[in-house]
PDB file of N, CA and C in Angstrom:
ATOM      1  N   UNK A   1      84.042  90.293  87.818  1.00  0.00           N
ATOM      2  CA  UNK A   1      85.065  91.022  87.309  1.00  0.00           C
ATOM      3  C   UNK A   1      84.886  92.168  88.349  1.00  0.00           C
ATOM      4  N   UNK A   2      84.327  91.712  89.030  1.00  0.00           N
ATOM      5  CA  UNK A   2      84.974  93.190  90.257  1.00  0.00           C
ATOM      6  C   UNK A   2      85.171  92.109  90.707  1.00  0.00           C
ATOM      7  N   UNK A   3      85.541  91.260  91.720  1.00  0.00           N
ATOM      8  CA  UNK A   3      87.240  90.307  91.737  1.00  0.00           C
ATOM      9  C   UNK A   3      88.725  90.729  91.249  1.00  0.00           C
ATOM     10  N   UNK A   4      88.238  90.726  89.824  1.00  0.00           N
ATOM     11  CA  UNK A   4      89.303  91.473  88.582  1.00  0.00           C
ATOM     12  C   UNK A   4      89.534  93.514  88.768  1.00  0.00           C
ATOM     13  N   UNK A   5      88.852  93.475  89.221  1.00  0.00           N
ATOM     14  CA  UNK A   5      88.678  95.275  89.581  1.00  0.00           C
ATOM     15  C   UNK A   5      89.637  95.271  90.723  1.00  0.00           C
ATOM     16  N   UNK A   6      89.495  94.215  92.096  1.00  0.00           N
ATOM     17  CA  UNK A   6      89.129  94.875  93.057  1.00  0.00           C
ATOM     18  C   UNK A   6      91.238  93.970  93.291  1.00  0.00           C
ATOM     19  N   UNK A   7      91.681  92.569  92.302  1.00  0.00           N
ATOM     20  CA  UNK A   7      92.431  93.018  92.179  1.00  0.00           C
ATOM     21  C   UNK A   7      93.549  93.607  92.210  1.00  0.00           C
ATOM     22  N   UNK A   8      92.710  94.097  90.778  1.00  0.00           N
ATOM     23  CA  UNK A   8      93.864  94.939  90.214  1.00  0.00           C
ATOM     24  C   UNK A   8      94.147  96.486  90.301  1.00  0.00           C
ATOM     25  N   UNK A   9      93.009  96.035  91.220  1.00  0.00           N
ATOM     26  CA  UNK A   9      93.368  97.129  92.556  1.00  0.00           C
ATOM     27  C   UNK A   9      94.508  97.767  93.239  1.00  0.00           C
ATOM     28  N   UNK A  10      94.397  96.002  93.805  1.00  0.00           N
ATOM     29  CA  UNK A  10      95.825  95.902  94.907  1.00  0.00           C
ATOM     30  C   UNK A  10      97.591  96.027  93.604  1.00  0.00           C
ATOM     31  N   UNK A  11      97.512  95.740  92.795  1.00  0.00           N
ATOM     32  CA  UNK A  11      98.466  95.406  91.782  1.00  0.00           C
ATOM     33  C   UNK A  11      99.030  97.009  91.630  1.00  0.00           C
ATOM     34  N   UNK A  12      97.463  97.710  90.874  1.00  0.00           N
ATOM     35  CA  UNK A  12      97.886  99.081  91.217  1.00  0.00           C
ATOM     36  C   UNK A  12      99.464 100.076  92.157  1.00  0.00           C
ATOM     37  N   UNK A  13      98.552  99.438  93.624  1.00  0.00           N
ATOM     38  CA  UNK A  13      99.223 100.439  93.991  1.00  0.00           C
ATOM     39  C   UNK A  13     100.495  99.537  95.143  1.00  0.00           C
ATOM     40  N   UNK A  14     100.767  98.308  94.662  1.00  0.00           N
ATOM     41  CA  UNK A  14     102.323  97.317  94.637  1.00  0.00           C
ATOM     42  C   UNK A  14     103.283  98.416  93.521  1.00  0.00           C
ATOM     43  N   UNK A  15     103.005  98.374  92.734  1.00  0.00           N
ATOM     44  CA  UNK A  15     103.040  98.305  91.353  1.00  0.00           C
ATOM     45  C   UNK A  15     103.544 100.143  91.484  1.00  0.00           C
ATOM     46  N   UNK A  16     102.861 100.801  92.036  1.00  0.00           N
ATOM     47  CA  UNK A  16     103.221 101.686  91.140  1.00  0.00           C
ATOM     48  C   UNK A  16     103.887 102.256  92.296  1.00  0.00           C
ATOM     49  N   UNK A  17     103.898 101.542  93.594  1.00  0.00           N
ATOM     50  CA  UNK A  17     104.738 101.709  95.037  1.00  0.00           C
ATOM     51  C   UNK A  17     105.856 101.647  94.775  1.00  0.00           C
ATOM     52  N   UNK A  18     106.312 100.462  93.923  1.00  0.00           N
ATOM     53  CA  UNK A  18     108.010 100.164  94.097  1.00  0.00           C
ATOM     54  C   UNK A  18     108.262 101.154  92.681  1.00  0.00           C
ATOM     55  N   UNK A  19     107.176 101.532  91.969  1.00  0.00           N
ATOM     56  CA  UNK A  19     107.662 102.606  90.841  1.00  0.00           C
ATOM     57  C   UNK A  19     107.827 103.688  91.704  1.00  0.00           C
ATOM     58  N   UNK A  20     107.454 104.486  92.185  1.00  0.00           N
ATOM     59  CA  UNK A  20     107.751 105.134  92.799  1.00  0.00           C
ATOM     60  C   UNK A  20     108.617 105.464  93.845  1.00  0.00           C
ATOM     61  N   UNK A  21     109.102 104.185  94.620  1.00  0.00           N
ATOM     62  CA  UNK A  21     110.095 104.202  95.301  1.00  0.00           C
ATOM     63  C   UNK A  21     111.929 104.327  94.833  1.00  0.00           C
ATOM     64  N   UNK A  22     111.566 103.389  94.089  1.00  0.00           N
ATOM     65  CA  UNK A  22     112.603 103.102  92.867  1.00  0.00           C
ATOM     66  C   UNK A  22     113.187 104.759  91.712  1.00  0.00           C
ATOM     67  N   UNK A  23     112.032 104.911  91.597  1.00  0.00           N
ATOM     68  CA  UNK A  23     112.617 106.413  90.559  1.00  0.00           C
ATOM     69  C   UNK A  23     112.827 107.334  91.659  1.00  0.00           C
ATOM     70  N   UNK A  24     112.561 107.394  92.643  1.00  0.00           N
ATOM     71  CA  UNK A  24     113.374 108.067  93.436  1.00  0.00           C
ATOM     72  C   UNK A  24     115.062 108.643  93.992  1.00  0.00           C
ATOM     73  N   UNK A  25     114.859 107.158  93.971  1.00  0.00           N
ATOM     74  CA  UNK A  25     116.527 106.900  94.724  1.00  0.00           C
ATOM     75  C   UNK A  25     117.281 106.329  93.363  1.00  0.00           C
ATOM     76  N   UNK A  26     116.689 106.533  91.999  1.00  0.00           N
ATOM     77  CA  UNK A  26     117.506 107.250  90.842  1.00  0.00           C
ATOM     78  C   UNK A  26     117.932 108.030  90.115  1.00  0.00           C
ATOM     79  N   UNK A  27     116.518 109.023  91.138  1.00  0.00           N
ATOM     80  CA  UNK A  27     117.200 110.266  90.767  1.00  0.00           C
ATOM     81  C   UNK A  27     118.395 110.498  91.177  1.00  0.00           C
ATOM     82  N   UNK A  28     118.770 110.441  92.480  1.00  0.00           N
ATOM     83  CA  UNK A  28     119.924 109.657  93.882  1.00  0.00           C
ATOM     84  C   UNK A  28     120.505 109.417  92.909  1.00  0.00           C
ATOM     85  N   UNK A  29     120.523 107.831  92.988  1.00  0.00           N
ATOM     86  CA  UNK A  29     121.415 106.934  92.608  1.00  0.00           C
ATOM     87  C   UNK A  29     121.780 107.359  91.021  1.00  0.00           C
ATOM     88  N   UNK A  30     122.592 107.069  89.871  1.00  0.00           N
ATOM     89  CA  UNK A  30     122.858 107.423  88.545  1.00  0.00           C
ATOM     90  C   UNK A  30     122.206 105.377  88.337  1.00  0.00           C
ATOM     91  N   UNK A  31     123.202 104.225  88.838  1.00  0.00           N
ATOM     92  CA  UNK A  31     123.144 103.019  88.006  1.00  0.00           C
ATOM     93  C   UNK A  31     122.063 102.671  89.022  1.00  0.00           C
ATOM     94  N   UNK A  32     120.865 103.172  89.527  1.00  0.00           N
ATOM     95  CA  UNK A  32     119.949 102.136  89.854  1.00  0.00           C
ATOM     96  C   UNK A  32     118.410 102.903  88.450  1.00  0.00           C
ATOM     97  N   UNK A  33     119.180 103.525  87.243  1.00  0.00           N
ATOM     98  CA  UNK A  33     117.867 103.815  86.300  1.00  0.00           C
ATOM     99  C   UNK A  33     118.270 102.790  85.000  1.00  0.00           C
ATOM    100  N   UNK A  34     117.747 102.792  84.150  1.00  0.00           N
ATOM    101  CA  UNK A  34     117.660 102.021  83.136  1.00  0.00           C
ATOM    102  C   UNK A  34     116.304 101.539  82.613  1.00  0.00           C
ATOM    103  N   UNK A  35     115.824 101.371  81.897  1.00  0.00           N
ATOM    104  CA  UNK A  35     114.439  99.633  81.189  1.00  0.00           C
ATOM    105  C   UNK A  35     114.114  99.473  81.722  1.00  0.00           C
ATOM    106  N   UNK A  36     114.951  98.692  83.489  1.00  0.00           N
ATOM    107  CA  UNK A  36     113.644  98.160  84.438  1.00  0.00           C
ATOM    108  C   UNK A  36     113.229  98.794  85.338  1.00  0.00           C
ATOM    109  N   UNK A  37     113.520  99.800  85.550  1.00  0.00           N
ATOM    110  CA  UNK A  37     112.939 100.891  86.315  1.00  0.00           C
ATOM    111  C   UNK A  37     111.570 101.334  84.989  1.00  0.00           C
ATOM    112  N   UNK A  38     112.240 101.738  84.704  1.00  0.00           N
ATOM    113  CA  UNK A  38     110.968 101.939  82.830  1.00  0.00           C
ATOM    114  C   UNK A  38     109.928 101.011  83.070  1.00  0.00           C
ATOM    115  N   UNK A  39     110.008  99.374  83.151  1.00  0.00           N
ATOM    116  CA  UNK A  39     109.117  99.300  82.738  1.00  0.00           C
ATOM    117  C   UNK A  39     108.342  98.589  83.719  1.00  0.00           C
ATOM    118  N   UNK A  40     108.494  99.058  84.730  1.00  0.00           N
ATOM    119  CA  UNK A  40     107.286  98.983  86.368  1.00  0.00           C
ATOM    120  C   UNK A  40     106.917  99.936  86.394  1.00  0.00           C
ATOM    121  N   UNK A  41     107.603 101.287  85.868  1.00  0.00           N
ATOM    122  CA  UNK A  41     106.621 102.371  85.625  1.00  0.00           C
ATOM    123  C   UNK A  41     105.498 102.392  84.711  1.00  0.00           C
ATOM    124  N   UNK A  42     105.812 101.870  83.136  1.00  0.00           N
ATOM    125  CA  UNK A  42     104.880 101.283  82.491  1.00  0.00           C
ATOM    126  C   UNK A  42     104.118 101.142  83.188  1.00  0.00           C
ATOM    127  N   UNK A  43     104.167  99.738  83.593  1.00  0.00           N
ATOM    128  CA  UNK A  43     103.313  98.575  84.265  1.00  0.00           C
ATOM    129  C   UNK A  43     102.771  99.335  84.227  1.00  0.00           C
ATOM    130  N   UNK A  44     103.079 100.311  86.159  1.00  0.00           N
ATOM    131  CA  UNK A  44     102.598 101.309  86.629  1.00  0.00           C
ATOM    132  C   UNK A  44     101.008 101.520  86.156  1.00  0.00           C
ATOM    133  N   UNK A  45     101.554 102.669  85.072  1.00  0.00           N
ATOM    134  CA  UNK A  45     100.253 103.402  84.181  1.00  0.00           C
ATOM    135  C   UNK A  45      99.663 102.218  83.578  1.00  0.00           C
ATOM    136  N   UNK A  46      99.858 101.174  83.378  1.00  0.00           N
ATOM    137  CA  UNK A  46      98.775  99.950  81.818  1.00  0.00           C
ATOM    138  C   UNK A  46      97.624  99.778  83.769  1.00  0.00           C
ATOM    139  N   UNK A  47      98.348  99.434  84.796  1.00  0.00           N
ATOM    140  CA  UNK A  47      97.507  99.357  86.338  1.00  0.00           C
ATOM    141  C   UNK A  47      96.599 100.269  85.878  1.00  0.00           C
ATOM    142  N   UNK A  48      96.526 101.405  85.515  1.00  0.00           N
ATOM    143  CA  UNK A  48      95.928 102.779  86.114  1.00  0.00           C
ATOM    144  C   UNK A  48      95.198 102.505  84.620  1.00  0.00           C
ATOM    145  N   UNK A  49      95.497 102.449  83.751  1.00  0.00           N
ATOM    146  CA  UNK A  49      94.459 102.033  83.184  1.00  0.00           C
ATOM    147  C   UNK A  49      93.307 101.243  82.494  1.00  0.00           C
ATOM    148  N   UNK A  50      93.826 100.132  82.771  1.00  0.00           N
ATOM    149  CA  UNK A  50      93.061  98.360  83.487  1.00  0.00           C
ATOM    150  C   UNK A  50      92.260  99.285  84.088  1.00  0.00           C
ATOM    151  N   UNK A  51      92.345  99.147  85.369  1.00  0.00           N
ATOM    152  CA  UNK A  51      91.967  99.849  86.487  1.00  0.00           C
ATOM    153  C   UNK A  51      90.379 100.899  85.447  1.00  0.00           C
ATOM    154  N   UNK A  52      90.674 101.695  84.949  1.00  0.00           N
ATOM    155  CA  UNK A  52      89.213 102.876  84.303  1.00  0.00           C
ATOM    156  C   UNK A  52      88.384 101.588  83.646  1.00  0.00           C
ATOM    157  N   UNK A  53      89.175 101.089  82.945  1.00  0.00           N
ATOM    158  CA  UNK A  53      88.471 100.332  82.050  1.00  0.00           C
ATOM    159  C   UNK A  53      87.162  98.865  82.360  1.00  0.00           C
ATOM    160  N   UNK A  54      88.306  98.357  83.723  1.00  0.00           N
ATOM    161  CA  UNK A  54      87.641  97.161  84.223  1.00  0.00           C
ATOM    162  C   UNK A  54      85.847  98.063  85.071  1.00  0.00           C
ATOM    163  N   UNK A  55      86.897  99.210  85.701  1.00  0.00           N
ATOM    164  CA  UNK A  55      85.115  99.788  85.754  1.00  0.00           C
ATOM    165  C   UNK A  55      84.194 100.900  85.546  1.00  0.00           C
ATOM    166  N   UNK A  56      84.781 101.462  83.888  1.00  0.00           N
ATOM    167  CA  UNK A  56      83.630 101.593  82.982  1.00  0.00           C
ATOM    168  C   UNK A  56      82.940 100.554  83.180  1.00  0.00           C
ATOM    169  N   UNK A  57      83.029  99.376  82.280  1.00  0.00           N
ATOM    170  CA  UNK A  57      82.352  97.837  82.490  1.00  0.00           C
ATOM    171  C   UNK A  57      81.476  97.656  83.486  1.00  0.00           C
ATOM    172  N   UNK A  58      81.902  97.733  84.706  1.00  0.00           N
ATOM    173  CA  UNK A  58      81.075  96.842  85.600  1.00  0.00           C
ATOM    174  C   UNK A  58      80.345  98.320  85.806  1.00  0.00           C
ATOM    175  N   UNK A  59      80.199 100.027  85.917  1.00  0.00           N
ATOM    176  CA  UNK A  59      79.002 100.609  85.309  1.00  0.00           C
ATOM    177  C   UNK A  59      78.241 100.391  83.983  1.00  0.00           C
ATOM    178  N   UNK A  60      78.775  99.838  83.426  1.00  0.00           N
ATOM    179  CA  UNK A  60      78.570  99.800  81.935  1.00  0.00           C
ATOM    180  C   UNK A  60      77.652  98.733  82.199  1.00  0.00           C
ATOM    181  N   UNK A  61      77.319  98.008  82.573  1.00  0.00           N
ATOM    182  CA  UNK A  61      77.159  95.914  82.996  1.00  0.00           C
ATOM    183  C   UNK A  61      76.298  96.591  84.123  1.00  0.00           C
ATOM    184  N   UNK A  62      75.836  97.756  84.718  1.00  0.00           N
ATOM    185  CA  UNK A  62      74.939  97.725  85.810  1.00  0.00           C
ATOM    186  C   UNK A  62      74.993  96.998  87.482  1.00  0.00           C
ATOM    187  N   UNK A  63      76.423  96.662  87.354  1.00  0.00           N
ATOM    188  CA  UNK A  63      77.265  96.145  87.972  1.00  0.00           C
ATOM    189  C   UNK A  63      76.629  96.993  89.686  1.00  0.00           C
ATOM    190  N   UNK A  64      76.053  97.935  90.154  1.00  0.00           N
ATOM    191  CA  UNK A  64      76.520  98.946  90.298  1.00  0.00           C
ATOM    192  C   UNK A  64      76.502 100.065  90.592  1.00  0.00           C
ATOM    193  N   UNK A  65      76.055 101.487  90.784  1.00  0.00           N
ATOM    194  CA  UNK A  65      77.338 102.389  90.568  1.00  0.00           C
ATOM    195  C   UNK A  65      77.920 102.935  91.330  1.00  0.00           C
ATOM    196  N   UNK A  66      79.267 103.205  90.935  1.00  0.00           N
ATOM    197  CA  UNK A  66      79.862 103.622  92.498  1.00  0.00           C
ATOM    198  C   UNK A  66      80.063 104.805  92.945  1.00  0.00           C
ATOM    199  N   UNK A  67      80.464 105.071  94.273  1.00  0.00           N
ATOM    200  CA  UNK A  67      80.534 105.995  95.572  1.00  0.00           C
ATOM    201  C   UNK A  67      81.575 106.969  94.269  1.00  0.00           C
ATOM    202  N   UNK A  68      80.637 108.680  94.386  1.00  0.00           N
ATOM    203  CA  UNK A  68      81.428 109.277  93.452  1.00  0.00           C
ATOM    204  C   UNK A  68      82.394 109.869  92.832  1.00  0.00           C
ATOM    205  N   UNK A  69      83.223 110.066  94.453  1.00  0.00           N
ATOM    206  CA  UNK A  69      84.657 110.188  94.787  1.00  0.00           C
ATOM    207  C   UNK A  69      85.672 109.232  94.562  1.00  0.00           C
ATOM    208  N   UNK A  70      85.021 107.694  94.369  1.00  0.00           N
ATOM    209  CA  UNK A  70      85.567 107.003  94.523  1.00  0.00           C
ATOM    210  C   UNK A  70      85.993 106.547  92.626  1.00  0.00           C
ATOM    211  N   UNK A  71      84.869 107.017  92.019  1.00  0.00           N
ATOM    212  CA  UNK A  71      84.778 107.555  90.655  1.00  0.00           C
ATOM    213  C   UNK A  71      86.096 108.020  90.169  1.00  0.00           C
ATOM    214  N   UNK A  72      85.349 109.180  90.931  1.00  0.00           N
ATOM    215  CA  UNK A  72      86.739 110.558  90.933  1.00  0.00           C
ATOM    216  C   UNK A  72      88.711 109.695  90.752  1.00  0.00           C
ATOM    217  N   UNK A  73      88.047 109.905  91.884  1.00  0.00           N
ATOM    218  CA  UNK A  73      90.646 109.710  92.365  1.00  0.00           C
ATOM    219  C   UNK A  73      90.131 108.140  91.145  1.00  0.00           C
ATOM    220  N   UNK A  74      89.266 107.346  90.709  1.00  0.00           N
ATOM    221  CA  UNK A  74      89.604 105.847  89.810  1.00  0.00           C
ATOM    222  C   UNK A  74      90.436 107.228  88.474  1.00  0.00           C
ATOM    223  N   UNK A  75      89.855 107.495  87.960  1.00  0.00           N
ATOM    224  CA  UNK A  75      89.818 109.111  86.129  1.00  0.00           C
ATOM    225  C   UNK A  75      91.412 109.492  86.812  1.00  0.00           C
ATOM    226  N   UNK A  76      90.797 109.941  88.084  1.00  0.00           N
ATOM    227  CA  UNK A  76      92.286 111.097  88.152  1.00  0.00           C
ATOM    228  C   UNK A  76      93.278 110.488  88.277  1.00  0.00           C
ATOM    229  N   UNK A  77      93.118 108.935  88.825  1.00  0.00           N
ATOM    230  CA  UNK A  77      94.457 108.243  88.270  1.00  0.00           C
ATOM    231  C   UNK A  77      95.182 108.454  86.531  1.00  0.00           C
ATOM    232  N   UNK A  78      93.812 108.279  86.384  1.00  0.00           N
ATOM    233  CA  UNK A  78      94.394 108.108  84.407  1.00  0.00           C
ATOM    234  C   UNK A  78      94.376 109.550  83.989  1.00  0.00           C
ATOM    235  N   UNK A  79      94.062 110.786  84.812  1.00  0.00           N
ATOM    236  CA  UNK A  79      94.450 111.982  84.052  1.00  0.00           C
ATOM    237  C   UNK A  79      96.193 112.125  84.145  1.00  0.00           C
ATOM    238  N   UNK A  80      95.870 111.539  85.965  1.00  0.00           N
ATOM    239  CA  UNK A  80      97.352 111.634  85.987  1.00  0.00           C
ATOM    240  C   UNK A  80      99.050 110.521  85.236  1.00  0.00           C
ATOM    241  N   UNK A  81      98.504 110.088  84.800  1.00  0.00           N
ATOM    242  CA  UNK A  81      98.758 108.959  83.725  1.00  0.00           C
ATOM    243  C   UNK A  81      98.875 110.372  82.528  1.00  0.00           C
ATOM    244  N   UNK A  82      98.528 110.950  81.894  1.00  0.00           N
ATOM    245  CA  UNK A  82      98.425 110.762  80.932  1.00  0.00           C
ATOM    246  C   UNK A  82      99.283 113.246  80.846  1.00  0.00           C
ATOM    247  N   UNK A  83      99.040 113.867  82.779  1.00  0.00           N
ATOM    248  CA  UNK A  83     100.018 114.802  82.669  1.00  0.00           C
ATOM    249  C   UNK A  83     101.614 113.858  83.290  1.00  0.00           C
ATOM    250  N   UNK A  84     101.541 112.875  83.532  1.00  0.00           N
ATOM    251  CA  UNK A  84     102.741 112.762  83.780  1.00  0.00           C
ATOM    252  C   UNK A  84     103.640 112.747  82.416  1.00  0.00           C
ATOM    253  N   UNK A  85     102.922 111.532  81.755  1.00  0.00           N
ATOM    254  CA  UNK A  85     103.383 111.909  80.033  1.00  0.00           C
ATOM    255  C   UNK A  85     103.616 113.259  79.611  1.00  0.00           C
ATOM    256  N   UNK A  86     102.726 113.858  79.598  1.00  0.00           N
ATOM    257  CA  UNK A  86     102.575 115.122  78.779  1.00  0.00           C
ATOM    258  C   UNK A  86     104.233 116.237  78.896  1.00  0.00           C
ATOM    259  N   UNK A  87     104.529 115.751  80.497  1.00  0.00           N
ATOM    260  CA  UNK A  87     105.554 116.392  81.411  1.00  0.00           C
ATOM    261  C   UNK A  87     106.676 115.962  80.946  1.00  0.00           C
ATOM    262  N   UNK A  88     106.922 114.866  80.677  1.00  0.00           N
ATOM    263  CA  UNK A  88     108.111 113.529  80.612  1.00  0.00           C
ATOM    264  C   UNK A  88     109.549 115.087  79.340  1.00  0.00           C
ATOM    265  N   UNK A  89     108.938 115.725  78.950  1.00  0.00           N
ATOM    266  CA  UNK A  89     109.999 115.962  78.131  1.00  0.00           C
ATOM    267  C   UNK A  89     109.848 117.946  77.954  1.00  0.00           C
ATOM    268  N   UNK A  90     108.938 118.090  79.078  1.00  0.00           N
ATOM    269  CA  UNK A  90     108.971 119.437  79.403  1.00  0.00           C
ATOM    270  C   UNK A  90     110.908 119.836  79.309  1.00  0.00           C
ATOM    271  N   UNK A  91     111.466 121.107  79.126  1.00  0.00           N
ATOM    272  CA  UNK A  91     112.267 121.572  78.648  1.00  0.00           C
ATOM    273  C   UNK A  91     113.280 121.623  80.526  1.00  0.00           C
ATOM    274  N   UNK A  92     111.793 122.585  81.497  1.00  0.00           N
ATOM    275  CA  UNK A  92     112.542 122.495  82.584  1.00  0.00           C
ATOM    276  C   UNK A  92     112.145 121.212  83.453  1.00  0.00           C
ATOM    277  N   UNK A  93     111.930 120.345  82.967  1.00  0.00           N
ATOM    278  CA  UNK A  93     112.060 118.751  83.604  1.00  0.00           C
ATOM    279  C   UNK A  93     113.029 117.968  83.287  1.00  0.00           C
ATOM    280  N   UNK A  94     114.014 118.864  82.012  1.00  0.00           N
ATOM    281  CA  UNK A  94     115.153 118.048  81.844  1.00  0.00           C
ATOM    282  C   UNK A  94     116.167 117.239  83.189  1.00  0.00           C
ATOM    283  N   UNK A  95     116.742 116.156  82.896  1.00  0.00           N
ATOM    284  CA  UNK A  95     117.491 115.652  84.296  1.00  0.00           C
ATOM    285  C   UNK A  95     116.673 115.707  85.693  1.00  0.00           C
ATOM    286  N   UNK A  96     115.094 116.413  85.556  1.00  0.00           N
ATOM    287  CA  UNK A  96     114.907 115.245  86.348  1.00  0.00           C
ATOM    288  C   UNK A  96     113.272 114.430  86.395  1.00  0.00           C
ATOM    289  N   UNK A  97     113.193 113.978  85.117  1.00  0.00           N
ATOM    290  CA  UNK A  97     112.463 112.841  84.785  1.00  0.00           C
ATOM    291  C   UNK A  97     112.035 111.835  85.976  1.00  0.00           C
ATOM    292  N   UNK A  98     113.470 111.404  86.525  1.00  0.00           N
ATOM    293  CA  UNK A  98     113.079 110.666  87.718  1.00  0.00           C
ATOM    294  C   UNK A  98     111.765 110.772  89.180  1.00  0.00           C
ATOM    295  N   UNK A  99     112.089 111.508  89.427  1.00  0.00           N
ATOM    296  CA  UNK A  99     111.767 112.428  90.279  1.00  0.00           C
ATOM    297  C   UNK A  99     109.819 112.908  90.272  1.00  0.00           C
ATOM    298  N   UNK A 100     109.480 112.839  88.698  1.00  0.00           N
ATOM    299  CA  UNK A 100     108.630 113.533  88.168  1.00  0.00           C
ATOM    300  C   UNK A 100     107.819 112.507  88.291  1.00  0.00           C
ATOM    301  N   UNK A 101     109.140 111.002  87.147  1.00  0.00           N
ATOM    302  CA  UNK A 101     108.022 110.029  87.662  1.00  0.00           C
ATOM    303  C   UNK A 101     107.749 109.142  89.318  1.00  0.00           C
ATOM    304  N   UNK A 102     108.381 109.069  89.847  1.00  0.00           N
ATOM    305  CA  UNK A 102     108.487 108.924  91.204  1.00  0.00           C
ATOM    306  C   UNK A 102     107.486 109.361  91.862  1.00  0.00           C
ATOM    307  N   UNK A 103     107.417 110.833  91.938  1.00  0.00           N
ATOM    308  CA  UNK A 103     106.509 111.440  92.555  1.00  0.00           C
ATOM    309  C   UNK A 103     104.858 110.923  92.603  1.00  0.00           C
ATOM    310  N   UNK A 104     104.917 111.436  90.939  1.00  0.00           N
ATOM    311  CA  UNK A 104     103.774 110.707  90.148  1.00  0.00           C
ATOM    312  C   UNK A 104     103.379 109.434  90.481  1.00  0.00           C
ATOM    313  N   UNK A 105     104.176 108.444  90.367  1.00  0.00           N
ATOM    314  CA  UNK A 105     103.660 106.582  91.077  1.00  0.00           C
ATOM    315  C   UNK A 105     103.420 107.032  92.362  1.00  0.00           C
ATOM    316  N   UNK A 106     104.409 107.740  93.332  1.00  0.00           N
ATOM    317  CA  UNK A 106     103.326 107.794  94.691  1.00  0.00           C
ATOM    318  C   UNK A 106     101.907 107.918  95.020  1.00  0.00           C
ATOM    319  N   UNK A 107     102.006 109.167  93.619  1.00  0.00           N
ATOM    320  CA  UNK A 107     100.518 110.009  94.188  1.00  0.00           C
ATOM    321  C   UNK A 107      99.278 109.396  93.197  1.00  0.00           C
ATOM    322  N   UNK A 108      99.716 107.775  92.100  1.00  0.00           N
ATOM    323  CA  UNK A 108      98.969 107.416  91.483  1.00  0.00           C
ATOM    324  C   UNK A 108      98.952 106.087  92.902  1.00  0.00           C
ATOM    325  N   UNK A 109      99.726 105.973  93.808  1.00  0.00           N
ATOM    326  CA  UNK A 109      99.173 105.236  94.442  1.00  0.00           C
ATOM    327  C   UNK A 109      98.315 105.273  95.627  1.00  0.00           C
ATOM    328  N   UNK A 110      98.803 106.957  96.083  1.00  0.00           N
ATOM    329  CA  UNK A 110      98.507 107.350  96.820  1.00  0.00           C
ATOM    330  C   UNK A 110      96.557 107.743  96.509  1.00  0.00           C
ATOM    331  N   UNK A 111      96.376 107.477  94.907  1.00  0.00           N
ATOM    332  CA  UNK A 111      95.121 107.977  94.753  1.00  0.00           C
ATOM    333  C   UNK A 111      93.869 106.134  94.954  1.00  0.00           C
ATOM    334  N   UNK A 112      94.602 105.116  94.906  1.00  0.00           N
ATOM    335  CA  UNK A 112      94.570 103.617  94.871  1.00  0.00           C
ATOM    336  C   UNK A 112      94.490 103.929  96.019  1.00  0.00           C
ATOM    337  N   UNK A 113      95.010 103.780  97.384  1.00  0.00           N
ATOM    338  CA  UNK A 113      94.682 103.426  98.226  1.00  0.00           C
ATOM    339  C   UNK A 113      93.720 104.100  99.208  1.00  0.00           C
ATOM    340  N   UNK A 114      93.550 105.862  97.813  1.00  0.00           N
ATOM    341  CA  UNK A 114      92.032 106.428  99.048  1.00  0.00           C
ATOM    342  C   UNK A 114      90.378 105.292  98.454  1.00  0.00           C
ATOM    343  N   UNK A 115      91.257 104.848  96.732  1.00  0.00           N
ATOM    344  CA  UNK A 115      89.377 104.800  96.854  1.00  0.00           C
ATOM    345  C   UNK A 115      89.501 103.453  97.362  1.00  0.00           C
ATOM    346  N   UNK A 116      90.456 102.633  98.070  1.00  0.00           N
ATOM    347  CA  UNK A 116      90.003 101.466  98.966  1.00  0.00           C
ATOM    348  C   UNK A 116      89.403 101.770 100.023  1.00  0.00           C
ATOM    349  N   UNK A 117      89.977 102.878 100.529  1.00  0.00           N
ATOM    350  CA  UNK A 117      89.071 103.423 102.212  1.00  0.00           C
ATOM    351  C   UNK A 117      87.762 103.819 101.161  1.00  0.00           C
ATOM    352  N   UNK A 118      87.386 103.768 100.161  1.00  0.00           N
ATOM    353  CA  UNK A 118      85.830 104.285  99.785  1.00  0.00           C
ATOM    354  C   UNK A 118      85.084 103.154  99.782  1.00  0.00           C
ATOM    355  N   UNK A 119      85.436 101.852  99.499  1.00  0.00           N
ATOM    356  CA  UNK A 119      85.064 101.203  98.682  1.00  0.00           C
ATOM    357  C   UNK A 119      83.989 100.399  99.992  1.00  0.00           C
TER     358      UNK A 119
END
């Protein structure tokens, strides 16, 4: 499970990096928008949830207690996914959804990188 958690961490970082850069580019260039972009964004968010689940399983299985900051950054990624989802349909975000998800995905990627540095 620990190896799986580590592999998911790298996948989370890579997928959210791609999603973030792609979404920011799509904010500027309309042809980059569409379902392939949203599929990558969703995959990045699912990976954040999978990281939290595998981390929780590791903690519950007494495989060691993570550093407090590691747990904070991990669950902050889950909270970030919720915040992004809640703002997506706000009236002040209309027309800026790609900007929101681009910056949000890069934020989640940063949390993943920070978690690896702490480990």
